[in-house]
Amino acid sequence: MPEPTNVDMTYEVTLFTKYRVDVNQYDEQVLKNFASQQEYVYIKGNPLPLLFEGFAESNPIENIDGDRFFVSKYALKILGFIQDEKEFEIVKTMRKPRIGYSVM
């Protein structure tokens, strides 16, 4: 099996909401899931570490209608790998017992 290529991907998740309560609930959920600064995601049965890099809050944004939006940004980094399943090669082998080998 060929060696996978390691890839670090950074994601920025941005939350737009009209209510401060939504921001507080989302912050609480993120901080609970990333209490140890790390969470695992399972992609095709492989555990990949997802790191919490931090979050920032922007000043509330007002649109033309006068509605006010709260904005929060969360930075996440996943330590993954790329591996092409087409490169796998299955080779059938026959295991023969070793002659002259004894166990004491």
N, C-alpha and C. Protein backbone atom coordinates (compact mmCIF):
# COMPACT_ATOMS: atom_id res chain seq x y z
N MET A 1 0.85 -1.16 0.00
CA MET A 1 0.00 0.00 0.00
C MET A 1 0.91 1.24 0.00
N PRO A 2 0.64 2.19 -0.89
CA PRO A 2 1.48 3.38 -0.94
C PRO A 2 1.28 4.29 0.27
N GLU A 3 2.29 5.06 0.59
CA GLU A 3 2.25 5.99 1.72
C GLU A 3 1.31 7.16 1.40
N PRO A 4 0.43 7.55 2.32
CA PRO A 4 -0.47 8.69 2.06
C PRO A 4 0.27 10.02 2.14
N THR A 5 -0.27 11.03 1.48
CA THR A 5 0.27 12.38 1.52
C THR A 5 -0.45 13.15 2.62
N ASN A 6 0.29 13.66 3.59
CA ASN A 6 -0.31 14.41 4.70
C ASN A 6 -0.72 15.80 4.24
N VAL A 7 -1.92 16.22 4.67
CA VAL A 7 -2.46 17.52 4.29
C VAL A 7 -3.09 18.16 5.52
N ASP A 8 -2.74 19.42 5.77
CA ASP A 8 -3.38 20.20 6.83
C ASP A 8 -4.30 21.20 6.17
N MET A 9 -5.60 21.12 6.49
CA MET A 9 -6.58 22.02 5.88
C MET A 9 -7.17 22.91 6.97
N THR A 10 -7.23 24.20 6.70
CA THR A 10 -7.79 25.15 7.65
C THR A 10 -9.14 25.62 7.13
N TYR A 11 -10.12 25.60 8.01
CA TYR A 11 -11.47 26.05 7.67
C TYR A 11 -11.85 27.22 8.57
N GLU A 12 -12.59 28.15 8.00
CA GLU A 12 -13.14 29.25 8.79
C GLU A 12 -14.65 29.17 8.69
N VAL A 13 -15.29 28.93 9.82
CA VAL A 13 -16.74 28.83 9.89
C VAL A 13 -17.26 30.16 10.41
N THR A 14 -18.18 30.78 9.66
CA THR A 14 -18.73 32.07 10.05
C THR A 14 -20.21 31.92 10.35
N LEU A 15 -20.62 32.41 11.50
CA LEU A 15 -22.01 32.34 11.94
C LEU A 15 -22.61 33.75 11.88
N PHE A 16 -23.70 33.89 11.13
CA PHE A 16 -24.47 35.14 11.06
C PHE A 16 -25.81 34.88 11.73
N THR A 17 -26.20 35.71 12.68
CA THR A 17 -27.48 35.54 13.34
C THR A 17 -28.01 36.89 13.80
N LYS A 18 -29.31 36.96 13.97
CA LYS A 18 -29.93 38.19 14.45
C LYS A 18 -29.94 38.26 15.98
N TYR A 19 -29.76 37.12 16.63
CA TYR A 19 -29.94 37.07 18.07
C TYR A 19 -28.65 36.68 18.79
N ARG A 20 -28.36 37.39 19.85
CA ARG A 20 -27.17 37.12 20.66
C ARG A 20 -27.26 35.75 21.32
N VAL A 21 -28.46 35.31 21.62
CA VAL A 21 -28.67 34.00 22.25
C VAL A 21 -28.14 32.88 21.36
N ASP A 22 -28.33 33.01 20.04
CA ASP A 22 -27.82 31.99 19.10
C ASP A 22 -26.30 31.91 19.14
N VAL A 23 -25.65 33.07 19.22
CA VAL A 23 -24.18 33.10 19.30
C VAL A 23 -23.72 32.42 20.59
N ASN A 24 -24.39 32.72 21.70
CA ASN A 24 -24.01 32.11 22.97
C ASN A 24 -24.20 30.60 22.97
N GLN A 25 -25.29 30.12 22.38
CA GLN A 25 -25.53 28.68 22.30
C GLN A 25 -24.49 27.99 21.43
N TYR A 26 -24.15 28.61 20.31
CA TYR A 26 -23.14 28.01 19.42
C TYR A 26 -21.77 28.01 20.09
N ASP A 27 -21.43 29.12 20.76
CA ASP A 27 -20.15 29.18 21.49
C ASP A 27 -20.08 28.09 22.55
N GLU A 28 -21.17 27.90 23.27
CA GLU A 28 -21.20 26.88 24.32
C GLU A 28 -20.99 25.49 23.72
N GLN A 29 -21.63 25.20 22.60
CA GLN A 29 -21.49 23.89 21.96
C GLN A 29 -20.06 23.67 21.45
N VAL A 30 -19.49 24.69 20.82
CA VAL A 30 -18.11 24.58 20.32
C VAL A 30 -17.12 24.38 21.46
N LEU A 31 -17.26 25.16 22.51
CA LEU A 31 -16.33 25.04 23.64
C LEU A 31 -16.48 23.71 24.36
N LYS A 32 -17.70 23.16 24.39
CA LYS A 32 -17.90 21.85 25.00
C LYS A 32 -17.27 20.74 24.15
N ASN A 33 -17.45 20.82 22.83
CA ASN A 33 -16.88 19.78 21.95
C ASN A 33 -15.36 19.85 21.89
N PHE A 34 -14.80 21.04 21.99
CA PHE A 34 -13.35 21.21 21.90
C PHE A 34 -12.74 21.55 23.26
N ALA A 35 -13.22 20.92 24.32
CA ALA A 35 -12.70 21.19 25.66
C ALA A 35 -11.21 20.87 25.75
N SER A 36 -10.75 19.89 25.00
CA SER A 36 -9.33 19.54 25.00
C SER A 36 -8.62 20.09 23.76
N GLN A 37 -9.20 21.08 23.11
CA GLN A 37 -8.66 21.72 21.91
C GLN A 37 -8.63 20.79 20.70
N GLN A 38 -9.21 19.61 20.82
CA GLN A 38 -9.14 18.64 19.72
C GLN A 38 -10.38 17.75 19.73
N GLU A 39 -10.84 17.41 18.55
CA GLU A 39 -11.97 16.51 18.37
C GLU A 39 -11.58 15.60 17.19
N TYR A 40 -12.19 14.45 17.09
CA TYR A 40 -11.89 13.55 15.99
C TYR A 40 -13.11 13.43 15.08
N VAL A 41 -12.86 13.46 13.78
CA VAL A 41 -13.89 13.18 12.79
C VAL A 41 -13.48 11.88 12.10
N TYR A 42 -14.45 11.08 11.75
CA TYR A 42 -14.18 9.79 11.12
C TYR A 42 -14.62 9.85 9.66
N ILE A 43 -13.65 9.78 8.77
CA ILE A 43 -13.92 9.82 7.33
C ILE A 43 -13.50 8.47 6.77
N LYS A 44 -14.47 7.75 6.22
CA LYS A 44 -14.24 6.39 5.68
C LYS A 44 -13.57 5.50 6.71
N GLY A 45 -13.95 5.65 7.97
CA GLY A 45 -13.43 4.80 9.04
C GLY A 45 -12.08 5.23 9.60
N ASN A 46 -11.50 6.29 9.08
CA ASN A 46 -10.20 6.77 9.56
C ASN A 46 -10.39 7.96 10.49
N PRO A 47 -9.86 7.89 11.72
CA PRO A 47 -9.98 9.04 12.62
C PRO A 47 -8.99 10.14 12.22
N LEU A 48 -9.50 11.35 12.04
CA LEU A 48 -8.65 12.49 11.70
C LEU A 48 -8.84 13.55 12.78
N PRO A 49 -7.73 14.08 13.34
CA PRO A 49 -7.87 15.09 14.38
C PRO A 49 -8.32 16.43 13.81
N LEU A 50 -9.28 17.05 14.49
CA LEU A 50 -9.79 18.36 14.14
C LEU A 50 -9.43 19.29 15.28
N LEU A 51 -8.59 20.28 15.01
CA LEU A 51 -8.08 21.18 16.04
C LEU A 51 -8.85 22.49 16.04
N PHE A 52 -9.15 23.00 17.22
CA PHE A 52 -9.82 24.28 17.37
C PHE A 52 -8.75 25.35 17.48
N GLU A 53 -8.65 26.22 16.49
CA GLU A 53 -7.61 27.25 16.44
C GLU A 53 -8.01 28.52 17.19
N GLY A 54 -9.30 28.77 17.33
CA GLY A 54 -9.76 29.95 18.04
C GLY A 54 -11.00 30.54 17.38
N PHE A 55 -11.54 31.59 18.01
CA PHE A 55 -12.69 32.26 17.44
C PHE A 55 -12.58 33.75 17.68
N ALA A 56 -13.31 34.50 16.87
CA ALA A 56 -13.33 35.95 16.98
C ALA A 56 -14.74 36.45 16.72
N GLU A 57 -15.09 37.51 17.40
CA GLU A 57 -16.39 38.13 17.17
C GLU A 57 -16.17 39.48 16.52
N SER A 58 -16.96 39.75 15.51
CA SER A 58 -16.91 41.04 14.85
C SER A 58 -17.99 41.95 15.45
N ASN A 59 -17.88 43.22 15.16
CA ASN A 59 -18.93 44.14 15.59
C ASN A 59 -20.21 43.80 14.85
N PRO A 60 -21.36 44.04 15.48
CA PRO A 60 -22.62 43.76 14.78
C PRO A 60 -22.71 44.53 13.47
N ILE A 61 -23.27 43.87 12.45
CA ILE A 61 -23.41 44.46 11.12
C ILE A 61 -24.87 44.86 10.93
N GLU A 62 -25.07 46.03 10.37
CA GLU A 62 -26.43 46.45 10.06
C GLU A 62 -26.61 46.46 8.55
N ASN A 63 -27.76 45.91 8.08
CA ASN A 63 -28.02 45.92 6.64
C ASN A 63 -28.88 47.13 6.29
N ILE A 64 -29.30 47.23 5.05
CA ILE A 64 -30.05 48.38 4.56
C ILE A 64 -31.38 48.53 5.29
N ASP A 65 -32.02 47.41 5.62
CA ASP A 65 -33.32 47.46 6.29
C ASP A 65 -33.21 47.85 7.76
N GLY A 66 -32.03 47.97 8.28
CA GLY A 66 -31.85 48.32 9.68
C GLY A 66 -31.74 47.10 10.59
N ASP A 67 -31.78 45.89 10.02
CA ASP A 67 -31.60 44.68 10.81
C ASP A 67 -30.15 44.57 11.26
N ARG A 68 -29.97 44.07 12.44
CA ARG A 68 -28.64 43.93 13.03
C ARG A 68 -28.27 42.46 13.07
N PHE A 69 -27.05 42.12 12.62
CA PHE A 69 -26.57 40.75 12.61
C PHE A 69 -25.31 40.64 13.46
N PHE A 70 -25.26 39.61 14.26
CA PHE A 70 -24.05 39.29 15.02
C PHE A 70 -23.24 38.31 14.19
N VAL A 71 -21.93 38.52 14.17
CA VAL A 71 -21.04 37.67 13.37
C VAL A 71 -19.96 37.08 14.26
N SER A 72 -19.81 35.75 14.20
CA SER A 72 -18.74 35.06 14.91
C SER A 72 -17.98 34.19 13.93
N LYS A 73 -16.66 34.17 14.05
CA LYS A 73 -15.82 33.36 13.17
C LYS A 73 -15.04 32.35 14.00
N TYR A 74 -15.02 31.11 13.51
CA TYR A 74 -14.35 30.00 14.20
C TYR A 74 -13.32 29.41 13.24
N ALA A 75 -12.09 29.25 13.70
CA ALA A 75 -11.02 28.67 12.88
C ALA A 75 -10.79 27.22 13.32
N LEU A 76 -10.86 26.31 12.35
CA LEU A 76 -10.65 24.88 12.60
C LEU A 76 -9.59 24.36 11.64
N LYS A 77 -8.76 23.46 12.12
CA LYS A 77 -7.73 22.85 11.27
C LYS A 77 -7.87 21.33 11.37
N ILE A 78 -7.93 20.68 10.22
CA ILE A 78 -8.00 19.22 10.19
C ILE A 78 -6.67 18.69 9.67
N LEU A 79 -6.14 17.71 10.37
CA LEU A 79 -4.88 17.08 9.98
C LEU A 79 -5.24 15.79 9.26
N GLY A 80 -5.25 15.86 7.96
CA GLY A 80 -5.72 14.73 7.16
C GLY A 80 -4.64 14.18 6.25
N PHE A 81 -5.08 13.33 5.35
CA PHE A 81 -4.18 12.76 4.36
C PHE A 81 -4.96 12.46 3.09
N ILE A 82 -4.21 12.38 2.01
CA ILE A 82 -4.79 12.04 0.71
C ILE A 82 -4.23 10.69 0.30
N GLN A 83 -5.13 9.79 -0.05
CA GLN A 83 -4.71 8.47 -0.46
C GLN A 83 -5.69 7.98 -1.52
N ASP A 84 -5.17 7.64 -2.69
CA ASP A 84 -6.01 7.20 -3.80
C ASP A 84 -6.24 5.70 -3.69
N GLU A 85 -7.51 5.32 -3.59
CA GLU A 85 -7.84 3.90 -3.46
C GLU A 85 -7.50 3.11 -4.73
N LYS A 86 -7.37 3.79 -5.85
CA LYS A 86 -7.04 3.11 -7.10
C LYS A 86 -5.59 2.59 -7.11
N GLU A 87 -4.75 3.16 -6.23
CA GLU A 87 -3.35 2.75 -6.16
C GLU A 87 -3.14 1.50 -5.31
N PHE A 88 -4.19 1.07 -4.59
CA PHE A 88 -4.07 -0.14 -3.78
C PHE A 88 -3.96 -1.35 -4.68
N GLU A 89 -3.13 -2.29 -4.27
CA GLU A 89 -2.97 -3.52 -5.03
C GLU A 89 -3.13 -4.70 -4.08
N ILE A 90 -4.07 -5.56 -4.38
CA ILE A 90 -4.30 -6.73 -3.55
C ILE A 90 -3.54 -7.90 -4.16
N VAL A 91 -2.65 -8.47 -3.36
CA VAL A 91 -1.83 -9.58 -3.82
C VAL A 91 -2.12 -10.77 -2.92
N LYS A 92 -2.57 -11.85 -3.51
CA LYS A 92 -2.84 -13.05 -2.73
C LYS A 92 -1.53 -13.80 -2.53
N THR A 93 -1.28 -14.18 -1.30
CA THR A 93 -0.06 -14.93 -0.99
C THR A 93 -0.45 -16.20 -0.26
N MET A 94 0.48 -17.13 -0.28
CA MET A 94 0.25 -18.39 0.41
C MET A 94 1.31 -18.49 1.50
N ARG A 95 0.88 -18.68 2.69
CA ARG A 95 1.83 -18.76 3.79
C ARG A 95 2.18 -20.23 4.03
N LYS A 96 3.44 -20.54 3.91
CA LYS A 96 3.91 -21.91 4.13
C LYS A 96 4.57 -22.01 5.50
N PRO A 97 4.36 -23.13 6.18
CA PRO A 97 5.03 -23.32 7.48
C PRO A 97 6.54 -23.47 7.27
N ARG A 98 7.28 -22.96 8.23
CA ARG A 98 8.74 -23.07 8.14
C ARG A 98 9.18 -24.47 8.54
N ILE A 99 10.07 -25.04 7.78
CA ILE A 99 10.58 -26.40 8.03
C ILE A 99 11.74 -26.28 9.01
N GLY A 100 11.73 -27.19 10.00
CA GLY A 100 12.82 -27.22 10.96
C GLY A 100 12.66 -26.23 12.09
N TYR A 101 11.53 -25.63 12.20
CA TYR A 101 11.29 -24.65 13.26
C TYR A 101 10.51 -25.33 14.38
N SER A 102 11.04 -25.26 15.57
CA SER A 102 10.36 -25.90 16.70
C SER A 102 10.22 -24.89 17.85
N VAL A 103 9.18 -25.09 18.63
CA VAL A 103 8.92 -24.21 19.76
C VAL A 103 9.25 -24.98 21.03
N MET A 104 10.02 -24.38 21.92
CA MET A 104 10.34 -25.05 23.18
C MET A 104 9.57 -24.47 24.30
